[in-house]
Amino acid sequence: MKAARAVLRGPRRSNAPGLPDEVSFGIIERQAIHRGTFRSVRELNAKIRAFVNGWNDRCHPFVWTKTAEQILAKANRQKTSETDH
């Protein structure tokens, strides 16, 4: 019996609203299924669900380390050169 091979394709990188999905796929791939061998899609699905459930059990709120003013000041700073690469 040949092992099932899953191909996870997230949204395109230019799709900014879909970017969190792409990040999620990357985390799951690196931490849960990378180099794994799954004999069926059901087995792969169970592994992903177990990872997501564990992730959700360990979740914590995001804590900002900078003020909005600090972030905006850096985002709006002047360019140091006018070179186009």
PDB file of N, CA and C in Angstrom:
ATOM      1  N   MET A   1       0.845  -1.184   0.000  1.00  0.00           N
ATOM      2  CA  MET A   1       0.000   0.000   0.000  1.00  0.00           C
ATOM      3  C   MET A   1       0.885   1.239   0.000  1.00  0.00           C
ATOM      4  N   LYS A   2       0.618   2.144  -0.895  1.00  0.00           N
ATOM      5  CA  LYS A   2       1.405   3.361  -1.020  1.00  0.00           C
ATOM      6  C   LYS A   2       0.894   4.408  -0.037  1.00  0.00           C
ATOM      7  N   ALA A   3       1.815   5.108   0.607  1.00  0.00           N
ATOM      8  CA  ALA A   3       1.434   6.138   1.574  1.00  0.00           C
ATOM      9  C   ALA A   3       0.798   7.322   0.854  1.00  0.00           C
ATOM     10  N   ALA A   4      -0.242   7.886   1.467  1.00  0.00           N
ATOM     11  CA  ALA A   4      -0.901   9.062   0.896  1.00  0.00           C
ATOM     12  C   ALA A   4       0.017  10.263   1.024  1.00  0.00           C
ATOM     13  N   ARG A   5      -0.001  11.107   0.018  1.00  0.00           N
ATOM     14  CA  ARG A   5       0.844  12.295   0.042  1.00  0.00           C
ATOM     15  C   ARG A   5      -0.049  13.513  -0.038  1.00  0.00           C
ATOM     16  N   ALA A   6       0.064  14.353   0.939  1.00  0.00           N
ATOM     17  CA  ALA A   6      -0.764  15.555   0.972  1.00  0.00           C
ATOM     18  C   ALA A   6       0.017  16.732   0.431  1.00  0.00           C
ATOM     19  N   VAL A   7      -0.652  17.559  -0.311  1.00  0.00           N
ATOM     20  CA  VAL A   7      -0.055  18.788  -0.810  1.00  0.00           C
ATOM     21  C   VAL A   7      -0.893  19.923  -0.246  1.00  0.00           C
ATOM     22  N   LEU A   8      -0.294  20.705   0.631  1.00  0.00           N
ATOM     23  CA  LEU A   8      -1.007  21.820   1.234  1.00  0.00           C
ATOM     24  C   LEU A   8      -0.688  23.076   0.447  1.00  0.00           C
ATOM     25  N   ARG A   9      -1.707  23.668  -0.087  1.00  0.00           N
ATOM     26  CA  ARG A   9      -1.520  24.904  -0.837  1.00  0.00           C
ATOM     27  C   ARG A   9      -2.352  25.982  -0.192  1.00  0.00           C
ATOM     28  N   GLY A  10      -1.687  26.984   0.326  1.00  0.00           N
ATOM     29  CA  GLY A  10      -2.379  28.124   0.899  1.00  0.00           C
ATOM     30  C   GLY A  10      -2.657  29.149  -0.176  1.00  0.00           C
ATOM     31  N   PRO A  11      -3.176  30.274   0.208  1.00  0.00           N
ATOM     32  CA  PRO A  11      -3.443  31.338  -0.768  1.00  0.00           C
ATOM     33  C   PRO A  11      -2.141  31.910  -1.311  1.00  0.00           C
ATOM     34  N   ARG A  12      -2.239  32.616  -2.420  1.00  0.00           N
ATOM     35  CA  ARG A  12      -1.053  33.250  -2.994  1.00  0.00           C
ATOM     36  C   ARG A  12      -0.529  34.304  -2.041  1.00  0.00           C
ATOM     37  N   ARG A  13       0.768  34.562  -2.092  1.00  0.00           N
ATOM     38  CA  ARG A  13       1.384  35.542  -1.204  1.00  0.00           C
ATOM     39  C   ARG A  13       0.847  36.954  -1.420  1.00  0.00           C
ATOM     40  N   SER A  14       0.381  37.256  -2.609  1.00  0.00           N
ATOM     41  CA  SER A  14      -0.119  38.596  -2.871  1.00  0.00           C
ATOM     42  C   SER A  14      -1.513  38.813  -2.287  1.00  0.00           C
ATOM     43  N   ASN A  15      -2.123  37.762  -1.783  1.00  0.00           N
ATOM     44  CA  ASN A  15      -3.450  37.847  -1.207  1.00  0.00           C
ATOM     45  C   ASN A  15      -3.326  38.192   0.280  1.00  0.00           C
ATOM     46  N   ALA A  16      -3.211  39.468   0.591  1.00  0.00           N
ATOM     47  CA  ALA A  16      -2.944  39.903   1.961  1.00  0.00           C
ATOM     48  C   ALA A  16      -3.977  39.401   2.969  1.00  0.00           C
ATOM     49  N   PRO A  17      -5.285  39.443   2.689  1.00  0.00           N
ATOM     50  CA  PRO A  17      -6.231  38.933   3.682  1.00  0.00           C
ATOM     51  C   PRO A  17      -6.055  37.442   3.947  1.00  0.00           C
ATOM     52  N   GLY A  18      -5.518  36.690   2.995  1.00  0.00           N
ATOM     53  CA  GLY A  18      -5.320  35.258   3.171  1.00  0.00           C
ATOM     54  C   GLY A  18      -3.998  34.898   3.813  1.00  0.00           C
ATOM     55  N   LEU A  19      -3.148  35.877   4.068  1.00  0.00           N
ATOM     56  CA  LEU A  19      -1.816  35.610   4.609  1.00  0.00           C
ATOM     57  C   LEU A  19      -1.841  34.852   5.930  1.00  0.00           C
ATOM     58  N   PRO A  20      -2.740  35.144   6.870  1.00  0.00           N
ATOM     59  CA  PRO A  20      -2.766  34.336   8.098  1.00  0.00           C
ATOM     60  C   PRO A  20      -2.976  32.854   7.832  1.00  0.00           C
ATOM     61  N   ASP A  21      -3.762  32.509   6.807  1.00  0.00           N
ATOM     62  CA  ASP A  21      -3.941  31.107   6.455  1.00  0.00           C
ATOM     63  C   ASP A  21      -2.633  30.492   5.996  1.00  0.00           C
ATOM     64  N   GLU A  22      -1.873  31.231   5.200  1.00  0.00           N
ATOM     65  CA  GLU A  22      -0.598  30.731   4.711  1.00  0.00           C
ATOM     66  C   GLU A  22       0.372  30.518   5.871  1.00  0.00           C
ATOM     67  N   VAL A  23       0.383  31.427   6.820  1.00  0.00           N
ATOM     68  CA  VAL A  23       1.233  31.285   7.998  1.00  0.00           C
ATOM     69  C   VAL A  23       0.819  30.041   8.778  1.00  0.00           C
ATOM     70  N   SER A  24      -0.489  29.833   8.928  1.00  0.00           N
ATOM     71  CA  SER A  24      -0.976  28.661   9.653  1.00  0.00           C
ATOM     72  C   SER A  24      -0.540  27.371   8.967  1.00  0.00           C
ATOM     73  N   PHE A  25      -0.653  27.319   7.641  1.00  0.00           N
ATOM     74  CA  PHE A  25      -0.205  26.132   6.908  1.00  0.00           C
ATOM     75  C   PHE A  25       1.279  25.887   7.134  1.00  0.00           C
ATOM     76  N   GLY A  26       2.073  26.957   7.154  1.00  0.00           N
ATOM     77  CA  GLY A  26       3.510  26.814   7.377  1.00  0.00           C
ATOM     78  C   GLY A  26       3.825  26.253   8.746  1.00  0.00           C
ATOM     79  N   ILE A  27       3.131  26.740   9.766  1.00  0.00           N
ATOM     80  CA  ILE A  27       3.351  26.249  11.132  1.00  0.00           C
ATOM     81  C   ILE A  27       2.962  24.783  11.233  1.00  0.00           C
ATOM     82  N   ILE A  28       1.807  24.429  10.693  1.00  0.00           N
ATOM     83  CA  ILE A  28       1.373  23.027  10.742  1.00  0.00           C
ATOM     84  C   ILE A  28       2.365  22.137  10.010  1.00  0.00           C
ATOM     85  N   GLU A  29       2.807  22.580   8.840  1.00  0.00           N
ATOM     86  CA  GLU A  29       3.743  21.764   8.060  1.00  0.00           C
ATOM     87  C   GLU A  29       5.053  21.562   8.803  1.00  0.00           C
ATOM     88  N   ARG A  30       5.603  22.629   9.383  1.00  0.00           N
ATOM     89  CA  ARG A  30       6.900  22.523  10.067  1.00  0.00           C
ATOM     90  C   ARG A  30       6.808  21.756  11.382  1.00  0.00           C
ATOM     91  N   GLN A  31       5.755  21.968  12.142  1.00  0.00           N
ATOM     92  CA  GLN A  31       5.709  21.424  13.497  1.00  0.00           C
ATOM     93  C   GLN A  31       4.910  20.128  13.633  1.00  0.00           C
ATOM     94  N   ALA A  32       4.038  19.837  12.682  1.00  0.00           N
ATOM     95  CA  ALA A  32       3.183  18.671  12.867  1.00  0.00           C
ATOM     96  C   ALA A  32       3.390  17.571  11.834  1.00  0.00           C
ATOM     97  N   ILE A  33       3.600  17.939  10.579  1.00  0.00           N
ATOM     98  CA  ILE A  33       3.598  16.893   9.552  1.00  0.00           C
ATOM     99  C   ILE A  33       4.865  16.800   8.727  1.00  0.00           C
ATOM    100  N   HIS A  34       5.845  17.642   8.992  1.00  0.00           N
ATOM    101  CA  HIS A  34       7.081  17.629   8.213  1.00  0.00           C
ATOM    102  C   HIS A  34       7.750  16.258   8.284  1.00  0.00           C
ATOM    103  N   ARG A  35       8.021  15.708   7.137  1.00  0.00           N
ATOM    104  CA  ARG A  35       8.669  14.400   7.008  1.00  0.00           C
ATOM    105  C   ARG A  35       7.887  13.264   7.648  1.00  0.00           C
ATOM    106  N   GLY A  36       6.614  13.481   7.855  1.00  0.00           N
ATOM    107  CA  GLY A  36       5.783  12.422   8.418  1.00  0.00           C
ATOM    108  C   GLY A  36       5.350  11.447   7.340  1.00  0.00           C
ATOM    109  N   THR A  37       5.021  10.259   7.757  1.00  0.00           N
ATOM    110  CA  THR A  37       4.505   9.250   6.850  1.00  0.00           C
ATOM    111  C   THR A  37       3.082   8.945   7.279  1.00  0.00           C
ATOM    112  N   PHE A  38       2.152   9.119   6.370  1.00  0.00           N
ATOM    113  CA  PHE A  38       0.752   8.902   6.671  1.00  0.00           C
ATOM    114  C   PHE A  38       0.190   7.907   5.666  1.00  0.00           C
ATOM    115  N   ARG A  39      -0.422   6.883   6.156  1.00  0.00           N
ATOM    116  CA  ARG A  39      -0.914   5.824   5.289  1.00  0.00           C
ATOM    117  C   ARG A  39      -2.272   6.157   4.663  1.00  0.00           C
ATOM    118  N   SER A  40      -2.907   7.207   5.175  1.00  0.00           N
ATOM    119  CA  SER A  40      -4.200   7.598   4.609  1.00  0.00           C
ATOM    120  C   SER A  40      -4.444   9.073   4.877  1.00  0.00           C
ATOM    121  N   VAL A  41      -5.397   9.619   4.155  1.00  0.00           N
ATOM    122  CA  VAL A  41      -5.783  11.009   4.376  1.00  0.00           C
ATOM    123  C   VAL A  41      -6.405  11.136   5.769  1.00  0.00           C
ATOM    124  N   ARG A  42      -7.142  10.123   6.195  1.00  0.00           N
ATOM    125  CA  ARG A  42      -7.753  10.128   7.527  1.00  0.00           C
ATOM    126  C   ARG A  42      -6.675  10.243   8.613  1.00  0.00           C
ATOM    127  N   GLU A  43      -5.581   9.516   8.457  1.00  0.00           N
ATOM    128  CA  GLU A  43      -4.474   9.573   9.424  1.00  0.00           C
ATOM    129  C   GLU A  43      -3.823  10.964   9.424  1.00  0.00           C
ATOM    130  N   LEU A  44      -3.613  11.536   8.249  1.00  0.00           N
ATOM    131  CA  LEU A  44      -3.066  12.888   8.138  1.00  0.00           C
ATOM    132  C   LEU A  44      -4.009  13.895   8.778  1.00  0.00           C
ATOM    133  N   ASN A  45      -5.293  13.778   8.501  1.00  0.00           N
ATOM    134  CA  ASN A  45      -6.289  14.671   9.066  1.00  0.00           C
ATOM    135  C   ASN A  45      -6.289  14.586  10.600  1.00  0.00           C
ATOM    136  N   ALA A  46      -6.192  13.390  11.149  1.00  0.00           N
ATOM    137  CA  ALA A  46      -6.161  13.206  12.599  1.00  0.00           C
ATOM    138  C   ALA A  46      -4.937  13.881  13.210  1.00  0.00           C
ATOM    139  N   LYS A  47      -3.792  13.768  12.542  1.00  0.00           N
ATOM    140  CA  LYS A  47      -2.555  14.397  13.034  1.00  0.00           C
ATOM    141  C   LYS A  47      -2.694  15.917  13.042  1.00  0.00           C
ATOM    142  N   ILE A  48      -3.260  16.478  11.973  1.00  0.00           N
ATOM    143  CA  ILE A  48      -3.450  17.936  11.903  1.00  0.00           C
ATOM    144  C   ILE A  48      -4.439  18.387  12.967  1.00  0.00           C
ATOM    145  N   ARG A  49      -5.542  17.662  13.130  1.00  0.00           N
ATOM    146  CA  ARG A  49      -6.539  18.044  14.150  1.00  0.00           C
ATOM    147  C   ARG A  49      -5.952  17.976  15.554  1.00  0.00           C
ATOM    148  N   ALA A  50      -5.149  16.967  15.838  1.00  0.00           N
ATOM    149  CA  ALA A  50      -4.509  16.854  17.160  1.00  0.00           C
ATOM    150  C   ALA A  50      -3.575  18.033  17.393  1.00  0.00           C
ATOM    151  N   PHE A  51      -2.826  18.435  16.353  1.00  0.00           N
ATOM    152  CA  PHE A  51      -1.931  19.580  16.484  1.00  0.00           C
ATOM    153  C   PHE A  51      -2.717  20.856  16.749  1.00  0.00           C
ATOM    154  N   VAL A  52      -3.778  21.087  15.971  1.00  0.00           N
ATOM    155  CA  VAL A  52      -4.583  22.300  16.135  1.00  0.00           C
ATOM    156  C   VAL A  52      -5.234  22.334  17.510  1.00  0.00           C
ATOM    157  N   ASN A  53      -5.753  21.220  17.980  1.00  0.00           N
ATOM    158  CA  ASN A  53      -6.360  21.176  19.319  1.00  0.00           C
ATOM    159  C   ASN A  53      -5.335  21.493  20.404  1.00  0.00           C
ATOM    160  N   GLY A  54      -4.138  20.941  20.278  1.00  0.00           N
ATOM    161  CA  GLY A  54      -3.077  21.243  21.237  1.00  0.00           C
ATOM    162  C   GLY A  54      -2.662  22.700  21.181  1.00  0.00           C
ATOM    163  N   TRP A  55      -2.582  23.240  19.960  1.00  0.00           N
ATOM    164  CA  TRP A  55      -2.230  24.661  19.771  1.00  0.00           C
ATOM    165  C   TRP A  55      -3.267  25.539  20.463  1.00  0.00           C
ATOM    166  N   ASN A  56      -4.543  25.219  20.266  1.00  0.00           N
ATOM    167  CA  ASN A  56      -5.613  26.016  20.860  1.00  0.00           C
ATOM    168  C   ASN A  56      -5.609  25.917  22.385  1.00  0.00           C
ATOM    169  N   ASP A  57      -5.235  24.754  22.930  1.00  0.00           N
ATOM    170  CA  ASP A  57      -5.163  24.600  24.390  1.00  0.00           C
ATOM    171  C   ASP A  57      -4.054  25.456  24.990  1.00  0.00           C
ATOM    172  N   ARG A  58      -2.996  25.720  24.210  1.00  0.00           N
ATOM    173  CA  ARG A  58      -1.855  26.490  24.711  1.00  0.00           C
ATOM    174  C   ARG A  58      -1.892  27.955  24.292  1.00  0.00           C
ATOM    175  N   CYS A  59      -2.984  28.410  23.710  1.00  0.00           N
ATOM    176  CA  CYS A  59      -3.031  29.767  23.169  1.00  0.00           C
ATOM    177  C   CYS A  59      -2.963  30.823  24.275  1.00  0.00           C
ATOM    178  N   HIS A  60      -2.467  31.977  23.917  1.00  0.00           N
ATOM    179  CA  HIS A  60      -2.436  33.121  24.827  1.00  0.00           C
ATOM    180  C   HIS A  60      -2.577  34.385  23.997  1.00  0.00           C
ATOM    181  N   PRO A  61      -3.094  35.446  24.594  1.00  0.00           N
ATOM    182  CA  PRO A  61      -3.306  36.666  23.815  1.00  0.00           C
ATOM    183  C   PRO A  61      -1.993  37.313  23.402  1.00  0.00           C
ATOM    184  N   PHE A  62      -2.029  37.999  22.271  1.00  0.00           N
ATOM    185  CA  PHE A  62      -0.863  38.728  21.785  1.00  0.00           C
ATOM    186  C   PHE A  62      -0.642  39.944  22.668  1.00  0.00           C
ATOM    187  N   VAL A  63       0.600  40.201  23.031  1.00  0.00           N
ATOM    188  CA  VAL A  63       0.942  41.355  23.861  1.00  0.00           C
ATOM    189  C   VAL A  63       1.826  42.289  23.041  1.00  0.00           C
ATOM    190  N   TRP A  64       1.362  43.519  22.846  1.00  0.00           N
ATOM    191  CA  TRP A  64       2.144  44.502  22.118  1.00  0.00           C
ATOM    192  C   TRP A  64       3.342  44.914  22.963  1.00  0.00           C
ATOM    193  N   THR A  65       4.511  45.027  22.330  1.00  0.00           N
ATOM    194  CA  THR A  65       5.713  45.437  23.056  1.00  0.00           C
ATOM    195  C   THR A  65       6.076  46.882  22.773  1.00  0.00           C
ATOM    196  N   LYS A  66       5.411  47.497  21.813  1.00  0.00           N
ATOM    197  CA  LYS A  66       5.660  48.903  21.484  1.00  0.00           C
ATOM    198  C   LYS A  66       4.329  49.635  21.446  1.00  0.00           C
ATOM    199  N   THR A  67       4.399  50.929  21.643  1.00  0.00           N
ATOM    200  CA  THR A  67       3.183  51.738  21.568  1.00  0.00           C
ATOM    201  C   THR A  67       2.831  51.990  20.107  1.00  0.00           C
ATOM    202  N   ALA A  68       1.595  52.408  19.869  1.00  0.00           N
ATOM    203  CA  ALA A  68       1.170  52.731  18.508  1.00  0.00           C
ATOM    204  C   ALA A  68       2.035  53.851  17.936  1.00  0.00           C
ATOM    205  N   GLU A  69       2.407  54.810  18.763  1.00  0.00           N
ATOM    206  CA  GLU A  69       3.239  55.921  18.305  1.00  0.00           C
ATOM    207  C   GLU A  69       4.603  55.437  17.829  1.00  0.00           C
ATOM    208  N   GLN A  70       5.215  54.499  18.551  1.00  0.00           N
ATOM    209  CA  GLN A  70       6.520  53.962  18.154  1.00  0.00           C
ATOM    210  C   GLN A  70       6.425  53.209  16.820  1.00  0.00           C
ATOM    211  N   ILE A  71       5.366  52.437  16.656  1.00  0.00           N
ATOM    212  CA  ILE A  71       5.183  51.673  15.427  1.00  0.00           C
ATOM    213  C   ILE A  71       4.965  52.615  14.248  1.00  0.00           C
ATOM    214  N   LEU A  72       4.087  53.616  14.425  1.00  0.00           N
ATOM    215  CA  LEU A  72       3.805  54.561  13.342  1.00  0.00           C
ATOM    216  C   LEU A  72       5.018  55.412  12.998  1.00  0.00           C
ATOM    217  N   ALA A  73       5.811  55.791  14.002  1.00  0.00           N
ATOM    218  CA  ALA A  73       7.013  56.581  13.738  1.00  0.00           C
ATOM    219  C   ALA A  73       7.981  55.801  12.858  1.00  0.00           C
ATOM    220  N   LYS A  74       8.131  54.531  13.108  1.00  0.00           N
ATOM    221  CA  LYS A  74       9.032  53.714  12.295  1.00  0.00           C
ATOM    222  C   LYS A  74       8.451  53.487  10.896  1.00  0.00           C
ATOM    223  N   ALA A  75       7.146  53.274  10.819  1.00  0.00           N
ATOM    224  CA  ALA A  75       6.510  53.029   9.526  1.00  0.00           C
ATOM    225  C   ALA A  75       6.538  54.262   8.639  1.00  0.00           C
ATOM    226  N   ASN A  76       6.507  55.440   9.231  1.00  0.00           N
ATOM    227  CA  ASN A  76       6.429  56.684   8.460  1.00  0.00           C
ATOM    228  C   ASN A  76       7.766  57.408   8.328  1.00  0.00           C
ATOM    229  N   ARG A  77       8.866  56.780   8.720  1.00  0.00           N
ATOM    230  CA  ARG A  77      10.159  57.468   8.654  1.00  0.00           C
ATOM    231  C   ARG A  77      10.590  57.692   7.204  1.00  0.00           C
ATOM    232  N   GLN A  78      11.442  58.674   7.032  1.00  0.00           N
ATOM    233  CA  GLN A  78      11.914  59.041   5.703  1.00  0.00           C
ATOM    234  C   GLN A  78      12.881  58.006   5.159  1.00  0.00           C
ATOM    235  N   LYS A  79      12.897  57.856   3.843  1.00  0.00           N
ATOM    236  CA  LYS A  79      13.864  56.971   3.199  1.00  0.00           C
ATOM    237  C   LYS A  79      15.240  57.609   3.297  1.00  0.00           C
ATOM    238  N   THR A  80      16.274  56.774   3.415  1.00  0.00           N
ATOM    239  CA  THR A  80      17.640  57.304   3.497  1.00  0.00           C
ATOM    240  C   THR A  80      18.274  57.474   2.128  1.00  0.00           C
ATOM    241  N   SER A  81      17.716  56.840   1.116  1.00  0.00           N
ATOM    242  CA  SER A  81      18.254  57.004  -0.229  1.00  0.00           C
ATOM    243  C   SER A  81      17.109  56.843  -1.224  1.00  0.00           C
ATOM    244  N   GLU A  82      17.343  57.292  -2.406  1.00  0.00           N
ATOM    245  CA  GLU A  82      16.338  57.224  -3.450  1.00  0.00           C
ATOM    246  C   GLU A  82      16.666  56.178  -4.503  1.00  0.00           C
ATOM    247  N   THR A  83      17.513  55.213  -4.160  1.00  0.00           N
ATOM    248  CA  THR A  83      17.889  54.194  -5.137  1.00  0.00           C
ATOM    249  C   THR A  83      16.745  53.215  -5.334  1.00  0.00           C
ATOM    250  N   ASP A  84      16.519  52.831  -6.571  1.00  0.00           N
ATOM    251  CA  ASP A  84      15.524  51.822  -6.892  1.00  0.00           C
ATOM    252  C   ASP A  84      16.239  50.534  -7.234  1.00  0.00           C
ATOM    253  N   HIS A  85      15.944  49.497  -6.506  1.00  0.00           N
ATOM    254  CA  HIS A  85      16.586  48.194  -6.736  1.00  0.00           C
ATOM    255  C   HIS A  85      15.669  47.292  -7.484  1.00  0.00           C
TER     256      HIS A  85
END
